[in-house]
Amino acid sequence: MTIPIVISFNDNFTTPTGVCLTSLCLNAKPETKYEVHVLYSNRRLSKENKSIIKKLEESFSNISISFINVKTAFENSYEIRNITIEAYYRLLIPNYFKSLSKIIYIDVDTIINNDLSSLFNNELNDKSLAGVPEFTYKNEPFQSKHIKSLSLDPKNYINSGILIFNLNKIRSEIDKYNNNVKELSKLNFLYQDQDILNILFKDDILYIEHTYNYTYSKLKEGLVIPEPVIIHYTMQKPWHTTRPFGDVWWNHYKRSLFFEPISYTNYQLKAFDSIETHIKVGKTLKRLGIYRFLFLLRLFTGSIKSIFNKL
């Protein structure tokens, strides 16, 4: 099976992209091939870094990589929280790949932990888009308020990091789609392309399992998936700071063309320092009796809450 995938990145994300694609190849089934298309701007991605990524074809027989220059698309669009204009490039996907009926989009701050055949085989039927809900059991209050302000339901709001586009259906109304993208991309949305996609495809989304887009926030919400298919490192990145599942990223980094011993050593030292700091803080709190104080405070607040509940 050949699975088409779209990614986008700039010079600053060359190494994470290489690690992401390395994980894609390493964890594929023998019969799976990946056809990776990179949407990029030649103003933001150098020939040198394109060549570095192309070298993956020499290391792995199950991947082909092509580049599509989108030139100045979305050049003046809104950027926030260090999320760059490359995030908008996924909105261009229905205008390309005329020979394909559907295609996967993946953010490059991810590790592909398993073969993607099961993801690609999701039947979209009459839905234009497939994605994973942003939330699990709980809604983060600030995000929920923002999502509701867009006249969207937080329960039905998806994360745009991993998507399946139903190209046939979207292309049937491509002029309408392009006009809507053009108008919406002029606005300063808090979650940029993610807000735009959720607005565009309201009530037209197939919701897929959290294993295909597992984030730290979902772990904090209590959703435990020991071996997710795709780990998505939203917000802080494992190559900058210690994160849950960061070891998975670094293990793939070690097996990639981009491995540098000094970077890996620095990560190990940083991880050790972080653990050591937590132990020292814990010992200090215990010595000061603060653990006991926090325990009593929790009992007290629980008692107060039960009294109010009875009123």
C-alpha atoms as a PDB file:
ATOM      1  CA  MET A   1       0.000   0.000   0.000  1.00  0.00           C
ATOM      2  CA  THR A   2       1.231   3.495  -0.871  1.00  0.00           C
ATOM      3  CA  ILE A   3       0.073   6.209   1.523  1.00  0.00           C
ATOM      4  CA  PRO A   4       0.253   9.883   0.461  1.00  0.00           C
ATOM      5  CA  ILE A   5       1.207  12.357   3.186  1.00  0.00           C
ATOM      6  CA  VAL A   6       1.631  16.141   3.262  1.00  0.00           C
ATOM      7  CA  ILE A   7       3.923  18.029   5.640  1.00  0.00           C
ATOM      8  CA  SER A   8       5.222  21.599   5.793  1.00  0.00           C
ATOM      9  CA  PHE A   9       8.201  23.147   7.553  1.00  0.00           C
ATOM     10  CA  ASN A  10      10.861  25.859   7.349  1.00  0.00           C
ATOM     11  CA  ASP A  11      14.617  25.945   7.990  1.00  0.00           C
ATOM     12  CA  ASN A  12      14.173  26.032  11.773  1.00  0.00           C
ATOM     13  CA  PHE A  13      12.331  22.705  11.746  1.00  0.00           C
ATOM     14  CA  THR A  14      14.651  20.703   9.493  1.00  0.00           C
ATOM     15  CA  THR A  15      15.927  18.357  12.209  1.00  0.00           C
ATOM     16  CA  PRO A  16      12.491  17.712  13.796  1.00  0.00           C
ATOM     17  CA  THR A  17      11.158  17.016  10.296  1.00  0.00           C
ATOM     18  CA  GLY A  18      13.957  14.532   9.690  1.00  0.00           C
ATOM     19  CA  VAL A  19      13.250  12.770  12.986  1.00  0.00           C
ATOM     20  CA  CYS A  20       9.507  12.673  12.250  1.00  0.00           C
ATOM     21  CA  LEU A  21      10.092  11.104   8.827  1.00  0.00           C
ATOM     22  CA  THR A  22      12.654   8.692  10.276  1.00  0.00           C
ATOM     23  CA  SER A  23      10.017   7.449  12.735  1.00  0.00           C
ATOM     24  CA  LEU A  24       7.534   7.162   9.859  1.00  0.00           C
ATOM     25  CA  CYS A  25       9.897   4.874   7.933  1.00  0.00           C
ATOM     26  CA  LEU A  26      11.196   2.838  10.867  1.00  0.00           C
ATOM     27  CA  ASN A  27       7.727   1.945  12.144  1.00  0.00           C
ATOM     28  CA  ALA A  28       6.095   1.076   8.819  1.00  0.00           C
ATOM     29  CA  LYS A  29       4.945  -2.409   7.876  1.00  0.00           C
ATOM     30  CA  PRO A  30       7.073  -4.125   5.186  1.00  0.00           C
ATOM     31  CA  GLU A  31       4.346  -3.653   2.580  1.00  0.00           C
ATOM     32  CA  THR A  32       3.756   0.067   3.298  1.00  0.00           C
ATOM     33  CA  LYS A  33       5.296   2.838   1.196  1.00  0.00           C
ATOM     34  CA  TYR A  34       4.997   6.544   1.955  1.00  0.00           C
ATOM     35  CA  GLU A  35       4.741   9.256  -0.659  1.00  0.00           C
ATOM     36  CA  VAL A  36       5.618  12.463   1.213  1.00  0.00           C
ATOM     37  CA  HIS A  37       4.846  15.867  -0.287  1.00  0.00           C
ATOM     38  CA  VAL A  38       6.379  18.958   1.325  1.00  0.00           C
ATOM     39  CA  LEU A  39       4.551  22.275   0.973  1.00  0.00           C
ATOM     40  CA  TYR A  40       7.162  24.978   1.467  1.00  0.00           C
ATOM     41  CA  SER A  41       8.224  28.502   0.494  1.00  0.00           C
ATOM     42  CA  ASN A  42      11.627  28.962  -1.113  1.00  0.00           C
ATOM     43  CA  ARG A  43      11.931  32.134   0.965  1.00  0.00           C
ATOM     44  CA  ARG A  44      11.758  30.083   4.147  1.00  0.00           C
ATOM     45  CA  LEU A  45      13.370  26.734   3.306  1.00  0.00           C
ATOM     46  CA  SER A  46      16.867  26.604   1.818  1.00  0.00           C
ATOM     47  CA  LYS A  47      18.116  24.291  -0.936  1.00  0.00           C
ATOM     48  CA  GLU A  48      20.585  22.853   1.578  1.00  0.00           C
ATOM     49  CA  ASN A  49      17.867  21.808   4.006  1.00  0.00           C
ATOM     50  CA  LYS A  50      15.722  20.392   1.214  1.00  0.00           C
ATOM     51  CA  SER A  51      18.716  18.268   0.187  1.00  0.00           C
ATOM     52  CA  ILE A  52      19.212  17.074   3.761  1.00  0.00           C
ATOM     53  CA  ILE A  53      15.613  15.847   3.941  1.00  0.00           C
ATOM     54  CA  LYS A  54      15.877  14.215   0.479  1.00  0.00           C
ATOM     55  CA  LYS A  55      18.770  12.099   1.790  1.00  0.00           C
ATOM     56  CA  LEU A  56      16.209  10.062   3.709  1.00  0.00           C
ATOM     57  CA  GLU A  57      15.353   8.399   0.388  1.00  0.00           C
ATOM     58  CA  GLU A  58      18.876   6.943   0.364  1.00  0.00           C
ATOM     59  CA  SER A  59      18.464   5.495   3.868  1.00  0.00           C
ATOM     60  CA  PHE A  60      14.940   4.106   3.481  1.00  0.00           C
ATOM     61  CA  SER A  61      13.405   2.277   0.541  1.00  0.00           C
ATOM     62  CA  ASN A  62       9.844   2.899   1.752  1.00  0.00           C
ATOM     63  CA  ILE A  63       9.710   6.676   1.262  1.00  0.00           C
ATOM     64  CA  SER A  64       9.695   9.127  -1.630  1.00  0.00           C
ATOM     65  CA  ILE A  65       9.851  12.880  -0.997  1.00  0.00           C
ATOM     66  CA  SER A  66       8.792  15.709  -3.305  1.00  0.00           C
ATOM     67  CA  PHE A  67       8.650  19.465  -2.740  1.00  0.00           C
ATOM     68  CA  ILE A  68       5.933  21.915  -3.819  1.00  0.00           C
ATOM     69  CA  ASN A  69       6.847  25.598  -3.646  1.00  0.00           C
ATOM     70  CA  VAL A  70       3.844  27.672  -2.510  1.00  0.00           C
ATOM     71  CA  LYS A  71       5.926  30.848  -2.967  1.00  0.00           C
ATOM     72  CA  THR A  72       4.364  33.804  -1.096  1.00  0.00           C
ATOM     73  CA  ALA A  73       1.126  32.112   0.012  1.00  0.00           C
ATOM     74  CA  PHE A  74      -0.133  33.418   3.374  1.00  0.00           C
ATOM     75  CA  GLU A  75       2.984  35.598   3.647  1.00  0.00           C
ATOM     76  CA  ASN A  76       1.245  38.318   5.675  1.00  0.00           C
ATOM     77  CA  SER A  77      -1.027  36.054   7.691  1.00  0.00           C
ATOM     78  CA  TYR A  78      -1.331  36.240  11.458  1.00  0.00           C
ATOM     79  CA  GLU A  79       1.321  34.483  13.558  1.00  0.00           C
ATOM     80  CA  ILE A  80       1.044  33.797  17.305  1.00  0.00           C
ATOM     81  CA  ARG A  81       2.671  31.576  19.971  1.00  0.00           C
ATOM     82  CA  ASN A  82       5.665  30.816  17.699  1.00  0.00           C
ATOM     83  CA  ILE A  83       3.366  29.066  15.222  1.00  0.00           C
ATOM     84  CA  THR A  84       4.536  30.194  11.796  1.00  0.00           C
ATOM     85  CA  ILE A  85       2.817  30.712   8.456  1.00  0.00           C
ATOM     86  CA  GLU A  86       3.697  27.133   7.459  1.00  0.00           C
ATOM     87  CA  ALA A  87       0.698  26.174   9.602  1.00  0.00           C
ATOM     88  CA  TYR A  88      -1.552  27.753   6.967  1.00  0.00           C
ATOM     89  CA  TYR A  89      -0.133  25.705   4.095  1.00  0.00           C
ATOM     90  CA  ARG A  90      -2.387  22.750   4.908  1.00  0.00           C
ATOM     91  CA  LEU A  91      -5.285  24.951   3.769  1.00  0.00           C
ATOM     92  CA  LEU A  92      -3.847  24.745   0.237  1.00  0.00           C
ATOM     93  CA  ILE A  93      -3.954  20.939   0.081  1.00  0.00           C
ATOM     94  CA  PRO A  94      -7.246  20.610  -1.882  1.00  0.00           C
ATOM     95  CA  ASN A  95      -5.704  22.686  -4.699  1.00  0.00           C
ATOM     96  CA  TYR A  96      -3.004  20.093  -5.307  1.00  0.00           C
ATOM     97  CA  PHE A  97      -2.894  16.299  -5.760  1.00  0.00           C
ATOM     98  CA  LYS A  98      -5.561  16.165  -8.468  1.00  0.00           C
ATOM     99  CA  SER A  99      -5.030  12.430  -8.987  1.00  0.00           C
ATOM    100  CA  LEU A 100      -5.710  11.531  -5.334  1.00  0.00           C
ATOM    101  CA  SER A 101      -9.061  11.042  -3.624  1.00  0.00           C
ATOM    102  CA  LYS A 102      -7.730  11.547  -0.090  1.00  0.00           C
ATOM    103  CA  ILE A 103      -4.493  12.436   1.662  1.00  0.00           C
ATOM    104  CA  ILE A 104      -3.078  12.611   5.205  1.00  0.00           C
ATOM    105  CA  TYR A 105      -1.603  15.791   6.670  1.00  0.00           C
ATOM    106  CA  ILE A 106       0.839  15.522   9.615  1.00  0.00           C
ATOM    107  CA  ASP A 107       2.584  18.197  11.694  1.00  0.00           C
ATOM    108  CA  VAL A 108       6.322  17.571  11.943  1.00  0.00           C
ATOM    109  CA  ASP A 109       6.506  17.989  15.741  1.00  0.00           C
ATOM    110  CA  THR A 110       5.380  14.372  15.958  1.00  0.00           C
ATOM    111  CA  ILE A 111       6.671  10.828  16.252  1.00  0.00           C
ATOM    112  CA  ILE A 112       4.945   8.201  14.120  1.00  0.00           C
ATOM    113  CA  ASN A 113       4.970   5.235  16.465  1.00  0.00           C
ATOM    114  CA  ASN A 114       3.252   2.721  14.202  1.00  0.00           C
ATOM    115  CA  ASP A 115       2.193   2.019  10.638  1.00  0.00           C
ATOM    116  CA  LEU A 116      -0.380   4.501   9.274  1.00  0.00           C
ATOM    117  CA  SER A 117      -2.450   2.071   7.206  1.00  0.00           C
ATOM    118  CA  SER A 118      -5.203   2.017   9.836  1.00  0.00           C
ATOM    119  CA  LEU A 119      -5.333   5.827   9.822  1.00  0.00           C
ATOM    120  CA  PHE A 120      -5.454   6.066   6.041  1.00  0.00           C
ATOM    121  CA  ASN A 121      -8.114   3.340   5.807  1.00  0.00           C
ATOM    122  CA  ASN A 122     -10.655   5.393   7.739  1.00  0.00           C
ATOM    123  CA  GLU A 123     -13.712   5.732   5.501  1.00  0.00           C
ATOM    124  CA  LEU A 124     -14.637   9.402   5.246  1.00  0.00           C
ATOM    125  CA  ASN A 125     -17.817   8.660   3.258  1.00  0.00           C
ATOM    126  CA  ASP A 126     -19.663  11.987   3.013  1.00  0.00           C
ATOM    127  CA  LYS A 127     -17.330  13.892   5.382  1.00  0.00           C
ATOM    128  CA  SER A 128     -14.807  16.403   4.002  1.00  0.00           C
ATOM    129  CA  LEU A 129     -12.266  16.064   6.777  1.00  0.00           C
ATOM    130  CA  ALA A 130     -11.173  13.640   9.502  1.00  0.00           C
ATOM    131  CA  GLY A 131      -9.403  14.669  12.683  1.00  0.00           C
ATOM    132  CA  VAL A 132      -8.961  13.975  16.388  1.00  0.00           C
ATOM    133  CA  PRO A 133     -10.938  16.003  18.966  1.00  0.00           C
ATOM    134  CA  GLU A 134      -8.856  18.551  20.857  1.00  0.00           C
ATOM    135  CA  PHE A 135     -10.345  17.488  24.190  1.00  0.00           C
ATOM    136  CA  THR A 136     -11.039  14.162  25.888  1.00  0.00           C
ATOM    137  CA  TYR A 137     -13.214  14.178  28.999  1.00  0.00           C
ATOM    138  CA  LYS A 138     -12.592  17.746  30.097  1.00  0.00           C
ATOM    139  CA  ASN A 139     -12.612  21.097  28.346  1.00  0.00           C
ATOM    140  CA  GLU A 140      -9.934  23.655  29.183  1.00  0.00           C
ATOM    141  CA  PRO A 141     -11.971  26.754  30.257  1.00  0.00           C
ATOM    142  CA  PHE A 142     -10.025  29.378  28.289  1.00  0.00           C
ATOM    143  CA  GLN A 143      -9.992  27.328  25.089  1.00  0.00           C
ATOM    144  CA  SER A 144     -13.659  26.412  25.513  1.00  0.00           C
ATOM    145  CA  LYS A 145     -14.632  30.064  25.823  1.00  0.00           C
ATOM    146  CA  HIS A 146     -12.691  30.893  22.673  1.00  0.00           C
ATOM    147  CA  ILE A 147     -14.195  27.980  20.712  1.00  0.00           C
ATOM    148  CA  LYS A 148     -17.724  28.956  21.754  1.00  0.00           C
ATOM    149  CA  SER A 149     -17.017  32.516  20.579  1.00  0.00           C
ATOM    150  CA  LEU A 150     -16.598  31.021  17.088  1.00  0.00           C
ATOM    151  CA  SER A 151     -20.071  29.428  17.358  1.00  0.00           C
ATOM    152  CA  LEU A 152     -18.445  26.003  17.640  1.00  0.00           C
ATOM    153  CA  ASP A 153     -18.980  23.189  20.139  1.00  0.00           C
ATOM    154  CA  PRO A 154     -15.775  22.381  22.120  1.00  0.00           C
ATOM    155  CA  LYS A 155     -16.699  18.664  22.008  1.00  0.00           C
ATOM    156  CA  ASN A 156     -16.582  18.758  18.214  1.00  0.00           C
ATOM    157  CA  TYR A 157     -13.457  20.909  17.858  1.00  0.00           C
ATOM    158  CA  ILE A 158     -10.488  19.079  16.337  1.00  0.00           C
ATOM    159  CA  ASN A 159      -6.736  19.545  16.580  1.00  0.00           C
ATOM    160  CA  SER A 160      -5.328  20.268  13.114  1.00  0.00           C
ATOM    161  CA  GLY A 161      -2.015  18.442  13.640  1.00  0.00           C
ATOM    162  CA  ILE A 162      -3.163  15.207  12.016  1.00  0.00           C
ATOM    163  CA  LEU A 163      -5.861  15.302   9.344  1.00  0.00           C
ATOM    164  CA  ILE A 164      -7.301  13.291   6.477  1.00  0.00           C
ATOM    165  CA  PHE A 165      -8.620  15.387   3.583  1.00  0.00           C
ATOM    166  CA  ASN A 166     -11.433  14.031   1.435  1.00  0.00           C
ATOM    167  CA  LEU A 167     -10.067  15.667  -1.709  1.00  0.00           C
ATOM    168  CA  ASN A 168     -12.861  14.505  -4.000  1.00  0.00           C
ATOM    169  CA  LYS A 169     -15.558  16.083  -1.876  1.00  0.00           C
ATOM    170  CA  ILE A 170     -13.734  19.359  -1.194  1.00  0.00           C
ATOM    171  CA  ARG A 171     -12.806  19.753  -4.874  1.00  0.00           C
ATOM    172  CA  SER A 172     -16.484  19.501  -5.841  1.00  0.00           C
ATOM    173  CA  GLU A 173     -16.866  23.005  -4.361  1.00  0.00           C
ATOM    174  CA  ILE A 174     -13.289  24.229  -4.687  1.00  0.00           C
ATOM    175  CA  ASP A 175     -14.152  27.839  -5.608  1.00  0.00           C
ATOM    176  CA  LYS A 176     -16.330  28.211  -2.532  1.00  0.00           C
ATOM    177  CA  TYR A 177     -13.614  26.601  -0.398  1.00  0.00           C
ATOM    178  CA  ASN A 178     -10.885  28.899  -1.730  1.00  0.00           C
ATOM    179  CA  ASN A 179     -12.998  32.023  -1.263  1.00  0.00           C
ATOM    180  CA  ASN A 180     -13.762  31.078   2.334  1.00  0.00           C
ATOM    181  CA  VAL A 181     -10.083  30.350   3.050  1.00  0.00           C
ATOM    182  CA  LYS A 182      -9.091  33.688   1.530  1.00  0.00           C
ATOM    183  CA  GLU A 183     -11.522  35.634   3.718  1.00  0.00           C
ATOM    184  CA  LEU A 184     -10.915  33.698   6.941  1.00  0.00           C
ATOM    185  CA  SER A 185      -7.119  33.864   6.637  1.00  0.00           C
ATOM    186  CA  LYS A 186      -7.336  37.662   6.825  1.00  0.00           C
ATOM    187  CA  LEU A 187      -8.621  37.405  10.402  1.00  0.00           C
ATOM    188  CA  ASN A 188      -6.487  37.096  13.538  1.00  0.00           C
ATOM    189  CA  PHE A 189      -7.681  33.766  14.901  1.00  0.00           C
ATOM    190  CA  LEU A 190      -6.158  32.595  18.167  1.00  0.00           C
ATOM    191  CA  TYR A 191      -5.509  29.101  16.809  1.00  0.00           C
ATOM    192  CA  GLN A 192      -4.946  30.185  13.207  1.00  0.00           C
ATOM    193  CA  ASP A 193      -5.424  27.376  10.669  1.00  0.00           C
ATOM    194  CA  GLN A 194      -7.030  25.165  13.321  1.00  0.00           C
ATOM    195  CA  ASP A 195      -9.842  27.651  13.922  1.00  0.00           C
ATOM    196  CA  ILE A 196     -10.266  28.146  10.177  1.00  0.00           C
ATOM    197  CA  LEU A 197     -10.574  24.405   9.474  1.00  0.00           C
ATOM    198  CA  ASN A 198     -13.088  23.915  12.283  1.00  0.00           C
ATOM    199  CA  ILE A 199     -15.189  26.802  10.950  1.00  0.00           C
ATOM    200  CA  LEU A 200     -14.950  25.650   7.327  1.00  0.00           C
ATOM    201  CA  PHE A 201     -15.916  22.057   8.080  1.00  0.00           C
ATOM    202  CA  LYS A 202     -18.377  22.505  10.929  1.00  0.00           C
ATOM    203  CA  ASP A 203     -20.699  19.448  10.959  1.00  0.00           C
ATOM    204  CA  ASP A 204     -18.595  17.940   8.154  1.00  0.00           C
ATOM    205  CA  ILE A 205     -15.866  16.174  10.160  1.00  0.00           C
ATOM    206  CA  LEU A 206     -15.243  12.499  10.895  1.00  0.00           C
ATOM    207  CA  TYR A 207     -13.895  12.165  14.444  1.00  0.00           C
ATOM    208  CA  ILE A 208     -11.125   9.587  14.812  1.00  0.00           C
ATOM    209  CA  GLU A 209      -9.444   8.006  17.831  1.00  0.00           C
ATOM    210  CA  HIS A 210      -7.093   9.909  20.156  1.00  0.00           C
ATOM    211  CA  THR A 211      -4.316   7.397  19.479  1.00  0.00           C
ATOM    212  CA  TYR A 212      -3.741   9.179  16.152  1.00  0.00           C
ATOM    213  CA  ASN A 213      -2.997  12.523  17.824  1.00  0.00           C
ATOM    214  CA  TYR A 214      -1.895  11.962  21.413  1.00  0.00           C
ATOM    215  CA  THR A 215      -0.762  15.099  23.237  1.00  0.00           C
ATOM    216  CA  TYR A 216       0.544  15.968  26.685  1.00  0.00           C
ATOM    217  CA  SER A 217      -2.709  17.774  27.494  1.00  0.00           C
ATOM    218  CA  LYS A 218      -4.644  14.533  26.928  1.00  0.00           C
ATOM    219  CA  LEU A 219      -2.296  12.714  29.285  1.00  0.00           C
ATOM    220  CA  LYS A 220      -2.954  15.407  31.914  1.00  0.00           C
ATOM    221  CA  GLU A 221      -6.695  15.012  31.351  1.00  0.00           C
ATOM    222  CA  GLY A 222      -6.329  11.352  32.373  1.00  0.00           C
ATOM    223  CA  LEU A 223      -6.384   9.657  28.974  1.00  0.00           C
ATOM    224  CA  VAL A 224      -3.685   6.973  29.149  1.00  0.00           C
ATOM    225  CA  ILE A 225      -2.564   5.420  25.854  1.00  0.00           C
ATOM    226  CA  PRO A 226       0.687   3.495  26.513  1.00  0.00           C
ATOM    227  CA  GLU A 227       1.616   3.163  22.830  1.00  0.00           C
ATOM    228  CA  PRO A 228      -0.144   5.833  20.760  1.00  0.00           C
ATOM    229  CA  VAL A 229       0.140   5.617  16.981  1.00  0.00           C
ATOM    230  CA  ILE A 230       1.144   9.290  16.737  1.00  0.00           C
ATOM    231  CA  ILE A 231       2.660  11.345  19.554  1.00  0.00           C
ATOM    232  CA  HIS A 232       2.140  15.067  18.953  1.00  0.00           C
ATOM    233  CA  TYR A 233       4.457  17.390  20.892  1.00  0.00           C
ATOM    234  CA  THR A 234       2.310  20.514  21.045  1.00  0.00           C
ATOM    235  CA  MET A 235       3.590  23.626  22.827  1.00  0.00           C
ATOM    236  CA  GLN A 236       6.994  22.865  24.420  1.00  0.00           C
ATOM    237  CA  LYS A 237       9.165  20.582  22.303  1.00  0.00           C
ATOM    238  CA  PRO A 238      11.231  17.607  23.557  1.00  0.00           C
ATOM    239  CA  TRP A 239      14.339  18.913  21.779  1.00  0.00           C
ATOM    240  CA  HIS A 240      14.094  22.081  23.925  1.00  0.00           C
ATOM    241  CA  THR A 241      12.989  20.737  27.303  1.00  0.00           C
ATOM    242  CA  THR A 242      12.146  17.471  29.071  1.00  0.00           C
ATOM    243  CA  ARG A 243       8.603  16.339  28.236  1.00  0.00           C
ATOM    244  CA  PRO A 244       6.465  13.210  28.686  1.00  0.00           C
ATOM    245  CA  PHE A 245       7.266  10.843  25.804  1.00  0.00           C
ATOM    246  CA  GLY A 246      10.354  12.948  25.129  1.00  0.00           C
ATOM    247  CA  ASP A 247      12.469   9.809  25.357  1.00  0.00           C
ATOM    248  CA  VAL A 248      10.559   8.395  22.366  1.00  0.00           C
ATOM    249  CA  TRP A 249      11.546  11.421  20.294  1.00  0.00           C
ATOM    250  CA  TRP A 250      15.202  11.189  21.369  1.00  0.00           C
ATOM    251  CA  ASN A 251      15.347   7.451  20.686  1.00  0.00           C
ATOM    252  CA  HIS A 252      14.296   8.131  17.091  1.00  0.00           C
ATOM    253  CA  TYR A 253      16.712  11.064  16.913  1.00  0.00           C
ATOM    254  CA  LYS A 254      19.530   8.647  17.815  1.00  0.00           C
ATOM    255  CA  ARG A 255      18.563   6.445  14.863  1.00  0.00           C
ATOM    256  CA  SER A 256      18.313   9.310  12.378  1.00  0.00           C
ATOM    257  CA  LEU A 257      20.742  10.967   9.961  1.00  0.00           C
ATOM    258  CA  PHE A 258      20.614  14.025  12.191  1.00  0.00           C
ATOM    259  CA  PHE A 259      22.124  12.450  15.304  1.00  0.00           C
ATOM    260  CA  GLU A 260      24.800  14.542  17.028  1.00  0.00           C
ATOM    261  CA  PRO A 261      26.310  13.028  20.202  1.00  0.00           C
ATOM    262  CA  ILE A 262      26.692  16.423  21.898  1.00  0.00           C
ATOM    263  CA  SER A 263      22.971  17.231  21.504  1.00  0.00           C
ATOM    264  CA  TYR A 264      21.993  13.856  22.931  1.00  0.00           C
ATOM    265  CA  THR A 265      24.432  14.228  25.848  1.00  0.00           C
ATOM    266  CA  ASN A 266      23.022  17.678  26.645  1.00  0.00           C
ATOM    267  CA  TYR A 267      19.508  16.216  26.668  1.00  0.00           C
ATOM    268  CA  GLN A 268      20.555  13.464  29.093  1.00  0.00           C
ATOM    269  CA  LEU A 269      22.158  16.026  31.418  1.00  0.00           C
ATOM    270  CA  LYS A 270      19.105  18.273  31.261  1.00  0.00           C
ATOM    271  CA  ALA A 271      16.787  15.350  32.038  1.00  0.00           C
ATOM    272  CA  PHE A 272      18.963  14.293  34.980  1.00  0.00           C
ATOM    273  CA  ASP A 273      19.106  17.867  36.336  1.00  0.00           C
ATOM    274  CA  SER A 274      15.321  18.102  36.107  1.00  0.00           C
ATOM    275  CA  ILE A 275      14.838  14.887  38.116  1.00  0.00           C
ATOM    276  CA  GLU A 276      17.484  15.928  40.637  1.00  0.00           C
ATOM    277  CA  THR A 277      15.806  19.327  41.101  1.00  0.00           C
ATOM    278  CA  HIS A 278      12.408  17.716  41.744  1.00  0.00           C
ATOM    279  CA  ILE A 279      13.950  15.380  44.336  1.00  0.00           C
ATOM    280  CA  LYS A 280      15.667  18.293  46.122  1.00  0.00           C
ATOM    281  CA  VAL A 281      12.459  20.350  46.164  1.00  0.00           C
ATOM    282  CA  GLY A 282      10.532  17.354  47.493  1.00  0.00           C
ATOM    283  CA  LYS A 283      13.044  16.798  50.308  1.00  0.00           C
ATOM    284  CA  THR A 284      12.931  20.488  51.241  1.00  0.00           C
ATOM    285  CA  LEU A 285       9.126  20.522  51.345  1.00  0.00           C
ATOM    286  CA  LYS A 286       9.126  17.403  53.504  1.00  0.00           C
ATOM    287  CA  ARG A 287      11.668  18.892  55.922  1.00  0.00           C
ATOM    288  CA  LEU A 288       9.632  22.090  56.248  1.00  0.00           C
ATOM    289  CA  GLY A 289       6.473  20.111  56.905  1.00  0.00           C
ATOM    290  CA  ILE A 290       4.761  21.615  53.880  1.00  0.00           C
ATOM    291  CA  TYR A 291       3.534  18.216  52.668  1.00  0.00           C
ATOM    292  CA  ARG A 292       1.644  17.868  55.959  1.00  0.00           C
ATOM    293  CA  PHE A 293       0.262  21.391  55.561  1.00  0.00           C
ATOM    294  CA  LEU A 294      -0.928  20.665  52.022  1.00  0.00           C
ATOM    295  CA  PHE A 295      -2.569  17.425  53.201  1.00  0.00           C
ATOM    296  CA  LEU A 296      -4.477  19.277  55.962  1.00  0.00           C
ATOM    297  CA  LEU A 297      -5.400  22.084  53.565  1.00  0.00           C
ATOM    298  CA  ARG A 298      -6.837  19.538  51.131  1.00  0.00           C
ATOM    299  CA  LEU A 299      -8.888  17.974  53.938  1.00  0.00           C
ATOM    300  CA  PHE A 300     -10.096  21.410  55.049  1.00  0.00           C
ATOM    301  CA  THR A 301     -11.127  22.579  51.568  1.00  0.00           C
ATOM    302  CA  GLY A 302     -12.857  19.242  50.992  1.00  0.00           C
ATOM    303  CA  SER A 303     -14.852  19.681  54.223  1.00  0.00           C
ATOM    304  CA  ILE A 304     -15.850  23.227  53.285  1.00  0.00           C
ATOM    305  CA  LYS A 305     -16.957  22.072  49.842  1.00  0.00           C
ATOM    306  CA  SER A 306     -19.125  19.295  51.321  1.00  0.00           C
ATOM    307  CA  ILE A 307     -20.791  21.806  53.686  1.00  0.00           C
ATOM    308  CA  PHE A 308     -21.670  24.110  50.785  1.00  0.00           C
ATOM    309  CA  ASN A 309     -22.989  21.169  48.763  1.00  0.00           C
ATOM    310  CA  LYS A 310     -25.451  20.410  51.566  1.00  0.00           C
ATOM    311  CA  LEU A 311     -26.789  23.981  51.678  1.00  0.00           C
END
